[in-house]
Structures are given as structure tokens and as C-alpha cells.
Amino acid sequence: MNSKSEVIALSSLAAGECCWVAAIEIHGLLRRRILDMGMVPGTTVECIRRSPSGDPIAYKVRDSIIALRHDDASNIKVFTSNN
């Protein structure tokens, strides 16, 4: 992360873009499951593919592929590089 990073919602990444988790603004059981899958602050995440309807979205997290609903991914804030 450098000085030209910006914080956006994970759901706004395009396929092929990478980012780093800044904050997880989800509560309850879903938060626990996301943390257990290794998506913790500082983790690198890559958007692999979006379904044609935009829901769900596939992400690569620590050599695993996970799918998140758009609404859930919007509550995960990430750093992206403006380079």
C-alpha cells in the first residue's frame, strides 16, 4: 500500500483487479465465516469473475476462490492502487 491508495468497496473491483483488505464492516456469523476463510485486514484479494447479473462475485483469497454476494462484498472496504 502506498500513498496513492484509495479505499473502496470490494464489490466495485473489476475482474482481474487486486486489492488489500482494509476493513470488514459485516457483523455476526457472516463476519466470522469471512475471517475464517482468511479474509482479514492486510490480505491480498483478486477479483476473478463476476456473474453476468453481477451477483455473486468470485474472489481469490489466499489460494482459494470464494464467492460473495454483491451486498456482502459492499461491506468489505479495500485499498487499491491508483497506479
PDB file of N, CA and C in Angstrom:
ATOM      1  N   MET A   1       0.844  -1.172   0.000  1.00  0.00           N
ATOM      2  CA  MET A   1       0.000   0.000   0.000  1.00  0.00           C
ATOM      3  C   MET A   1       0.892   1.238   0.000  1.00  0.00           C
ATOM      4  N   ASN A   2       0.587   2.145  -0.855  1.00  0.00           N
ATOM      5  CA  ASN A   2       1.395   3.351  -0.927  1.00  0.00           C
ATOM      6  C   ASN A   2       0.538   4.584  -0.685  1.00  0.00           C
ATOM      7  N   SER A   3       1.149   5.750  -0.810  1.00  0.00           N
ATOM      8  CA  SER A   3       0.428   6.987  -0.531  1.00  0.00           C
ATOM      9  C   SER A   3      -0.646   7.289  -1.570  1.00  0.00           C
ATOM     10  N   LYS A   4      -0.646   6.571  -2.693  1.00  0.00           N
ATOM     11  CA  LYS A   4      -1.646   6.808  -3.734  1.00  0.00           C
ATOM     12  C   LYS A   4      -2.770   5.778  -3.682  1.00  0.00           C
ATOM     13  N   SER A   5      -2.972   5.153  -2.524  1.00  0.00           N
ATOM     14  CA  SER A   5      -4.040   4.172  -2.373  1.00  0.00           C
ATOM     15  C   SER A   5      -5.339   4.872  -2.029  1.00  0.00           C
ATOM     16  N   GLU A   6      -6.450   4.253  -2.434  1.00  0.00           N
ATOM     17  CA  GLU A   6      -7.755   4.763  -2.046  1.00  0.00           C
ATOM     18  C   GLU A   6      -8.565   3.607  -1.482  1.00  0.00           C
ATOM     19  N   VAL A   7      -9.524   3.920  -0.626  1.00  0.00           N
ATOM     20  CA  VAL A   7     -10.370   2.903  -0.017  1.00  0.00           C
ATOM     21  C   VAL A   7     -11.702   2.871  -0.762  1.00  0.00           C
ATOM     22  N   ILE A   8     -12.062   1.666  -1.230  1.00  0.00           N
ATOM     23  CA  ILE A   8     -13.314   1.470  -1.954  1.00  0.00           C
ATOM     24  C   ILE A   8     -13.987   0.199  -1.430  1.00  0.00           C
ATOM     25  N   ALA A   9     -15.190  -0.066  -1.894  1.00  0.00           N
ATOM     26  CA  ALA A   9     -15.877  -1.309  -1.545  1.00  0.00           C
ATOM     27  C   ALA A   9     -15.333  -2.437  -2.416  1.00  0.00           C
ATOM     28  N   LEU A  10     -15.191  -3.621  -1.841  1.00  0.00           N
ATOM     29  CA  LEU A  10     -14.709  -4.782  -2.581  1.00  0.00           C
ATOM     30  C   LEU A  10     -15.581  -5.056  -3.799  1.00  0.00           C
ATOM     31  N   SER A  11     -16.860  -4.817  -3.696  1.00  0.00           N
ATOM     32  CA  SER A  11     -17.794  -5.098  -4.795  1.00  0.00           C
ATOM     33  C   SER A  11     -17.538  -4.233  -6.028  1.00  0.00           C
ATOM     34  N   SER A  12     -16.793  -3.146  -5.896  1.00  0.00           N
ATOM     35  CA  SER A  12     -16.569  -2.261  -7.040  1.00  0.00           C
ATOM     36  C   SER A  12     -15.338  -2.633  -7.861  1.00  0.00           C
ATOM     37  N   LEU A  13     -14.611  -3.682  -7.474  1.00  0.00           N
ATOM     38  CA  LEU A  13     -13.454  -4.115  -8.258  1.00  0.00           C
ATOM     39  C   LEU A  13     -13.910  -4.733  -9.577  1.00  0.00           C
ATOM     40  N   ALA A  14     -13.134  -4.518 -10.601  1.00  0.00           N
ATOM     41  CA  ALA A  14     -13.384  -5.168 -11.894  1.00  0.00           C
ATOM     42  C   ALA A  14     -12.631  -6.498 -11.917  1.00  0.00           C
ATOM     43  N   ALA A  15     -13.052  -7.403 -12.761  1.00  0.00           N
ATOM     44  CA  ALA A  15     -12.369  -8.689 -12.890  1.00  0.00           C
ATOM     45  C   ALA A  15     -10.902  -8.454 -13.238  1.00  0.00           C
ATOM     46  N   GLY A  16     -10.021  -9.148 -12.536  1.00  0.00           N
ATOM     47  CA  GLY A  16      -8.583  -9.016 -12.757  1.00  0.00           C
ATOM     48  C   GLY A  16      -7.893  -8.024 -11.847  1.00  0.00           C
ATOM     49  N   GLU A  17      -8.638  -7.178 -11.150  1.00  0.00           N
ATOM     50  CA  GLU A  17      -8.038  -6.193 -10.250  1.00  0.00           C
ATOM     51  C   GLU A  17      -7.691  -6.825  -8.905  1.00  0.00           C
ATOM     52  N   CYS A  18      -6.608  -6.320  -8.298  1.00  0.00           N
ATOM     53  CA  CYS A  18      -6.170  -6.775  -6.981  1.00  0.00           C
ATOM     54  C   CYS A  18      -6.298  -5.643  -5.971  1.00  0.00           C
ATOM     55  N   CYS A  19      -6.403  -6.018  -4.711  1.00  0.00           N
ATOM     56  CA  CYS A  19      -6.526  -5.035  -3.638  1.00  0.00           C
ATOM     57  C   CYS A  19      -6.064  -5.667  -2.336  1.00  0.00           C
ATOM     58  N   TRP A  20      -6.110  -4.890  -1.262  1.00  0.00           N
ATOM     59  CA  TRP A  20      -5.781  -5.352   0.083  1.00  0.00           C
ATOM     60  C   TRP A  20      -6.951  -5.003   0.991  1.00  0.00           C
ATOM     61  N   VAL A  21      -7.319  -5.921   1.851  1.00  0.00           N
ATOM     62  CA  VAL A  21      -8.449  -5.693   2.756  1.00  0.00           C
ATOM     63  C   VAL A  21      -8.081  -4.609   3.761  1.00  0.00           C
ATOM     64  N   ALA A  22      -8.952  -3.610   3.890  1.00  0.00           N
ATOM     65  CA  ALA A  22      -8.764  -2.527   4.860  1.00  0.00           C
ATOM     66  C   ALA A  22      -9.632  -2.766   6.089  1.00  0.00           C
ATOM     67  N   ALA A  23     -10.907  -3.089   5.882  1.00  0.00           N
ATOM     68  CA  ALA A  23     -11.837  -3.281   6.999  1.00  0.00           C
ATOM     69  C   ALA A  23     -12.997  -4.154   6.558  1.00  0.00           C
ATOM     70  N   ILE A  24     -13.512  -4.918   7.507  1.00  0.00           N
ATOM     71  CA  ILE A  24     -14.683  -5.753   7.253  1.00  0.00           C
ATOM     72  C   ILE A  24     -15.809  -5.198   8.102  1.00  0.00           C
ATOM     73  N   GLU A  25     -16.785  -4.595   7.436  1.00  0.00           N
ATOM     74  CA  GLU A  25     -17.894  -3.936   8.119  1.00  0.00           C
ATOM     75  C   GLU A  25     -19.147  -4.810   8.095  1.00  0.00           C
ATOM     76  N   ILE A  26     -18.947  -6.074   8.410  1.00  0.00           N
ATOM     77  CA  ILE A  26     -20.024  -7.064   8.469  1.00  0.00           C
ATOM     78  C   ILE A  26     -20.039  -7.583   9.900  1.00  0.00           C
ATOM     79  N   HIS A  27     -21.200  -7.943  10.391  1.00  0.00           N
ATOM     80  CA  HIS A  27     -21.312  -8.424  11.772  1.00  0.00           C
ATOM     81  C   HIS A  27     -21.915  -9.819  11.797  1.00  0.00           C
ATOM     82  N   GLY A  28     -21.781 -10.469  12.927  1.00  0.00           N
ATOM     83  CA  GLY A  28     -22.425 -11.757  13.140  1.00  0.00           C
ATOM     84  C   GLY A  28     -21.694 -12.928  12.509  1.00  0.00           C
ATOM     85  N   LEU A  29     -22.469 -13.942  12.181  1.00  0.00           N
ATOM     86  CA  LEU A  29     -21.937 -15.197  11.668  1.00  0.00           C
ATOM     87  C   LEU A  29     -21.197 -15.020  10.344  1.00  0.00           C
ATOM     88  N   LEU A  30     -21.706 -14.178   9.462  1.00  0.00           N
ATOM     89  CA  LEU A  30     -21.039 -13.973   8.180  1.00  0.00           C
ATOM     90  C   LEU A  30     -19.645 -13.386   8.388  1.00  0.00           C
ATOM     91  N   ARG A  31     -19.494 -12.459   9.317  1.00  0.00           N
ATOM     92  CA  ARG A  31     -18.176 -11.893   9.612  1.00  0.00           C
ATOM     93  C   ARG A  31     -17.222 -12.994  10.051  1.00  0.00           C
ATOM     94  N   ARG A  32     -17.675 -13.847  10.931  1.00  0.00           N
ATOM     95  CA  ARG A  32     -16.843 -14.948  11.431  1.00  0.00           C
ATOM     96  C   ARG A  32     -16.412 -15.861  10.286  1.00  0.00           C
ATOM     97  N   ARG A  33     -17.356 -16.176   9.388  1.00  0.00           N
ATOM     98  CA  ARG A  33     -17.040 -17.055   8.267  1.00  0.00           C
ATOM     99  C   ARG A  33     -16.032 -16.415   7.323  1.00  0.00           C
ATOM    100  N   ILE A  34     -16.183 -15.114   7.051  1.00  0.00           N
ATOM    101  CA  ILE A  34     -15.248 -14.414   6.166  1.00  0.00           C
ATOM    102  C   ILE A  34     -13.850 -14.384   6.785  1.00  0.00           C
ATOM    103  N   LEU A  35     -13.773 -14.104   8.070  1.00  0.00           N
ATOM    104  CA  LEU A  35     -12.477 -14.109   8.753  1.00  0.00           C
ATOM    105  C   LEU A  35     -11.861 -15.508   8.744  1.00  0.00           C
ATOM    106  N   ASP A  36     -12.679 -16.534   8.966  1.00  0.00           N
ATOM    107  CA  ASP A  36     -12.189 -17.913   8.957  1.00  0.00           C
ATOM    108  C   ASP A  36     -11.661 -18.329   7.586  1.00  0.00           C
ATOM    109  N   MET A  37     -12.190 -17.740   6.511  1.00  0.00           N
ATOM    110  CA  MET A  37     -11.706 -18.047   5.164  1.00  0.00           C
ATOM    111  C   MET A  37     -10.389 -17.335   4.858  1.00  0.00           C
ATOM    112  N   GLY A  38      -9.903 -16.532   5.789  1.00  0.00           N
ATOM    113  CA  GLY A  38      -8.615 -15.869   5.611  1.00  0.00           C
ATOM    114  C   GLY A  38      -8.691 -14.448   5.103  1.00  0.00           C
ATOM    115  N   MET A  39      -9.889 -13.904   4.961  1.00  0.00           N
ATOM    116  CA  MET A  39     -10.022 -12.524   4.502  1.00  0.00           C
ATOM    117  C   MET A  39      -9.977 -11.611   5.718  1.00  0.00           C
ATOM    118  N   VAL A  40      -8.749 -11.252   6.121  1.00  0.00           N
ATOM    119  CA  VAL A  40      -8.527 -10.386   7.276  1.00  0.00           C
ATOM    120  C   VAL A  40      -7.817  -9.124   6.786  1.00  0.00           C
ATOM    121  N   PRO A  41      -7.863  -8.038   7.560  1.00  0.00           N
ATOM    122  CA  PRO A  41      -7.184  -6.816   7.124  1.00  0.00           C
ATOM    123  C   PRO A  41      -5.728  -7.081   6.732  1.00  0.00           C
ATOM    124  N   GLY A  42      -5.345  -6.545   5.570  1.00  0.00           N
ATOM    125  CA  GLY A  42      -3.993  -6.720   5.045  1.00  0.00           C
ATOM    126  C   GLY A  42      -3.872  -7.831   4.008  1.00  0.00           C
ATOM    127  N   THR A  43      -4.879  -8.674   3.895  1.00  0.00           N
ATOM    128  CA  THR A  43      -4.845  -9.788   2.949  1.00  0.00           C
ATOM    129  C   THR A  43      -5.041  -9.287   1.514  1.00  0.00           C
ATOM    130  N   THR A  44      -4.284  -9.859   0.582  1.00  0.00           N
ATOM    131  CA  THR A  44      -4.451  -9.541  -0.833  1.00  0.00           C
ATOM    132  C   THR A  44      -5.645 -10.306  -1.377  1.00  0.00           C
ATOM    133  N   VAL A  45      -6.476  -9.614  -2.143  1.00  0.00           N
ATOM    134  CA  VAL A  45      -7.666 -10.214  -2.750  1.00  0.00           C
ATOM    135  C   VAL A  45      -7.678  -9.836  -4.227  1.00  0.00           C
ATOM    136  N   GLU A  46      -8.015 -10.797  -5.079  1.00  0.00           N
ATOM    137  CA  GLU A  46      -8.142 -10.531  -6.515  1.00  0.00           C
ATOM    138  C   GLU A  46      -9.561 -10.864  -6.962  1.00  0.00           C
ATOM    139  N   CYS A  47     -10.158  -9.982  -7.708  1.00  0.00           N
ATOM    140  CA  CYS A  47     -11.472 -10.246  -8.279  1.00  0.00           C
ATOM    141  C   CYS A  47     -11.260 -11.142  -9.495  1.00  0.00           C
ATOM    142  N   ILE A  48     -11.802 -12.350  -9.443  1.00  0.00           N
ATOM    143  CA  ILE A  48     -11.600 -13.325 -10.509  1.00  0.00           C
ATOM    144  C   ILE A  48     -12.658 -13.189 -11.594  1.00  0.00           C
ATOM    145  N   ARG A  49     -13.914 -13.155 -11.184  1.00  0.00           N
ATOM    146  CA  ARG A  49     -15.001 -13.144 -12.167  1.00  0.00           C
ATOM    147  C   ARG A  49     -16.277 -12.618 -11.544  1.00  0.00           C
ATOM    148  N   ARG A  50     -17.069 -11.957 -12.364  1.00  0.00           N
ATOM    149  CA  ARG A  50     -18.406 -11.510 -11.962  1.00  0.00           C
ATOM    150  C   ARG A  50     -19.415 -12.312 -12.769  1.00  0.00           C
ATOM    151  N   SER A  51     -20.501 -12.684 -12.144  1.00  0.00           N
ATOM    152  CA  SER A  51     -21.543 -13.369 -12.904  1.00  0.00           C
ATOM    153  C   SER A  51     -22.197 -12.338 -13.833  1.00  0.00           C
ATOM    154  N   PRO A  52     -22.873 -12.776 -14.884  1.00  0.00           N
ATOM    155  CA  PRO A  52     -23.496 -11.819 -15.810  1.00  0.00           C
ATOM    156  C   PRO A  52     -24.450 -10.838 -15.125  1.00  0.00           C
ATOM    157  N   SER A  53     -25.119 -11.293 -14.082  1.00  0.00           N
ATOM    158  CA  SER A  53     -26.039 -10.403 -13.368  1.00  0.00           C
ATOM    159  C   SER A  53     -25.317  -9.563 -12.307  1.00  0.00           C
ATOM    160  N   GLY A  54     -24.018  -9.863 -12.075  1.00  0.00           N
ATOM    161  CA  GLY A  54     -23.248  -9.127 -11.071  1.00  0.00           C
ATOM    162  C   GLY A  54     -23.337  -9.719  -9.683  1.00  0.00           C
ATOM    163  N   ASP A  55     -24.018 -10.826  -9.538  1.00  0.00           N
ATOM    164  CA  ASP A  55     -24.195 -11.422  -8.213  1.00  0.00           C
ATOM    165  C   ASP A  55     -24.261 -12.931  -8.338  1.00  0.00           C
ATOM    166  N   PRO A  56     -23.379 -13.718  -7.800  1.00  0.00           N
ATOM    167  CA  PRO A  56     -22.266 -13.369  -6.918  1.00  0.00           C
ATOM    168  C   PRO A  56     -21.004 -12.974  -7.695  1.00  0.00           C
ATOM    169  N   ILE A  57     -19.980 -12.647  -6.939  1.00  0.00           N
ATOM    170  CA  ILE A  57     -18.688 -12.260  -7.490  1.00  0.00           C
ATOM    171  C   ILE A  57     -17.651 -13.217  -6.906  1.00  0.00           C
ATOM    172  N   ALA A  58     -16.744 -13.727  -7.746  1.00  0.00           N
ATOM    173  CA  ALA A  58     -15.707 -14.660  -7.294  1.00  0.00           C
ATOM    174  C   ALA A  58     -14.421 -13.900  -7.001  1.00  0.00           C
ATOM    175  N   TYR A  59     -13.805 -14.216  -5.866  1.00  0.00           N
ATOM    176  CA  TYR A  59     -12.555 -13.586  -5.436  1.00  0.00           C
ATOM    177  C   TYR A  59     -11.541 -14.651  -5.073  1.00  0.00           C
ATOM    178  N   LYS A  60     -10.261 -14.360  -5.353  1.00  0.00           N
ATOM    179  CA  LYS A  60      -9.181 -15.244  -4.934  1.00  0.00           C
ATOM    180  C   LYS A  60      -8.602 -14.689  -3.640  1.00  0.00           C
ATOM    181  N   VAL A  61      -8.648 -15.518  -2.591  1.00  0.00           N
ATOM    182  CA  VAL A  61      -8.144 -15.131  -1.275  1.00  0.00           C
ATOM    183  C   VAL A  61      -7.247 -16.255  -0.779  1.00  0.00           C
ATOM    184  N   ARG A  62      -5.960 -15.979  -0.613  1.00  0.00           N
ATOM    185  CA  ARG A  62      -5.013 -16.981  -0.093  1.00  0.00           C
ATOM    186  C   ARG A  62      -5.115 -18.321  -0.831  1.00  0.00           C
ATOM    187  N   ASP A  63      -5.022 -18.307  -2.137  1.00  0.00           N
ATOM    188  CA  ASP A  63      -5.046 -19.510  -2.985  1.00  0.00           C
ATOM    189  C   ASP A  63      -6.372 -20.262  -2.967  1.00  0.00           C
ATOM    190  N   SER A  64      -7.433 -19.641  -2.519  1.00  0.00           N
ATOM    191  CA  SER A  64      -8.773 -20.223  -2.579  1.00  0.00           C
ATOM    192  C   SER A  64      -9.682 -19.268  -3.333  1.00  0.00           C
ATOM    193  N   ILE A  65     -10.702 -19.808  -3.970  1.00  0.00           N
ATOM    194  CA  ILE A  65     -11.690 -18.986  -4.652  1.00  0.00           C
ATOM    195  C   ILE A  65     -12.954 -18.992  -3.803  1.00  0.00           C
ATOM    196  N   ILE A  66     -13.451 -17.803  -3.477  1.00  0.00           N
ATOM    197  CA  ILE A  66     -14.702 -17.698  -2.728  1.00  0.00           C
ATOM    198  C   ILE A  66     -15.664 -16.809  -3.504  1.00  0.00           C
ATOM    199  N   ALA A  67     -16.937 -17.046  -3.332  1.00  0.00           N
ATOM    200  CA  ALA A  67     -17.962 -16.228  -3.984  1.00  0.00           C
ATOM    201  C   ALA A  67     -18.729 -15.473  -2.914  1.00  0.00           C
ATOM    202  N   LEU A  68     -18.911 -14.191  -3.134  1.00  0.00           N
ATOM    203  CA  LEU A  68     -19.659 -13.351  -2.202  1.00  0.00           C
ATOM    204  C   LEU A  68     -20.779 -12.643  -2.949  1.00  0.00           C
ATOM    205  N   ARG A  69     -21.891 -12.464  -2.271  1.00  0.00           N
ATOM    206  CA  ARG A  69     -22.971 -11.663  -2.838  1.00  0.00           C
ATOM    207  C   ARG A  69     -22.527 -10.207  -2.897  1.00  0.00           C
ATOM    208  N   HIS A  70     -23.050  -9.481  -3.857  1.00  0.00           N
ATOM    209  CA  HIS A  70     -22.695  -8.071  -4.050  1.00  0.00           C
ATOM    210  C   HIS A  70     -22.919  -7.268  -2.766  1.00  0.00           C
ATOM    211  N   ASP A  71     -24.050  -7.474  -2.103  1.00  0.00           N
ATOM    212  CA  ASP A  71     -24.356  -6.721  -0.878  1.00  0.00           C
ATOM    213  C   ASP A  71     -23.329  -6.983   0.223  1.00  0.00           C
ATOM    214  N   ASP A  72     -22.882  -8.228   0.352  1.00  0.00           N
ATOM    215  CA  ASP A  72     -21.882  -8.558   1.368  1.00  0.00           C
ATOM    216  C   ASP A  72     -20.523  -7.972   1.001  1.00  0.00           C
ATOM    217  N   ALA A  73     -20.139  -8.071  -0.278  1.00  0.00           N
ATOM    218  CA  ALA A  73     -18.855  -7.521  -0.725  1.00  0.00           C
ATOM    219  C   ALA A  73     -18.823  -6.001  -0.601  1.00  0.00           C
ATOM    220  N   SER A  74     -19.979  -5.347  -0.651  1.00  0.00           N
ATOM    221  CA  SER A  74     -20.004  -3.882  -0.494  1.00  0.00           C
ATOM    222  C   SER A  74     -19.635  -3.449   0.915  1.00  0.00           C
ATOM    223  N   ASN A  75     -19.761  -4.362   1.872  1.00  0.00           N
ATOM    224  CA  ASN A  75     -19.436  -4.045   3.267  1.00  0.00           C
ATOM    225  C   ASN A  75     -18.012  -4.422   3.648  1.00  0.00           C
ATOM    226  N   ILE A  76     -17.207  -4.762   2.649  1.00  0.00           N
ATOM    227  CA  ILE A  76     -15.780  -5.012   2.872  1.00  0.00           C
ATOM    228  C   ILE A  76     -15.029  -3.901   2.168  1.00  0.00           C
ATOM    229  N   LYS A  77     -14.262  -3.136   2.915  1.00  0.00           N
ATOM    230  CA  LYS A  77     -13.527  -1.996   2.357  1.00  0.00           C
ATOM    231  C   LYS A  77     -12.097  -2.438   2.059  1.00  0.00           C
ATOM    232  N   VAL A  78     -11.595  -2.014   0.902  1.00  0.00           N
ATOM    233  CA  VAL A  78     -10.274  -2.428   0.449  1.00  0.00           C
ATOM    234  C   VAL A  78      -9.449  -1.230  -0.037  1.00  0.00           C
ATOM    235  N   PHE A  79      -8.134  -1.404  -0.008  1.00  0.00           N
ATOM    236  CA  PHE A  79      -7.216  -0.427  -0.569  1.00  0.00           C
ATOM    237  C   PHE A  79      -6.906  -0.845  -1.993  1.00  0.00           C
ATOM    238  N   THR A  80      -6.914   0.092  -2.910  1.00  0.00           N
ATOM    239  CA  THR A  80      -6.466  -0.168  -4.279  1.00  0.00           C
ATOM    240  C   THR A  80      -5.378   0.825  -4.615  1.00  0.00           C
ATOM    241  N   SER A  81      -4.578   0.493  -5.584  1.00  0.00           N
ATOM    242  CA  SER A  81      -3.522   1.381  -6.032  1.00  0.00           C
ATOM    243  C   SER A  81      -4.015   2.171  -7.221  1.00  0.00           C
ATOM    244  N   ASN A  82      -3.706   3.441  -7.274  1.00  0.00           N
ATOM    245  CA  ASN A  82      -4.106   4.291  -8.403  1.00  0.00           C
ATOM    246  C   ASN A  82      -3.083   4.261  -9.534  1.00  0.00           C
ATOM    247  N   ASN A  83      -2.094   3.394  -9.443  1.00  0.00           N
ATOM    248  CA  ASN A  83      -1.042   3.372 -10.459  1.00  0.00           C
ATOM    249  C   ASN A  83      -1.552   2.835 -11.754  1.00  0.00           C
TER     250      ASN A  83
END
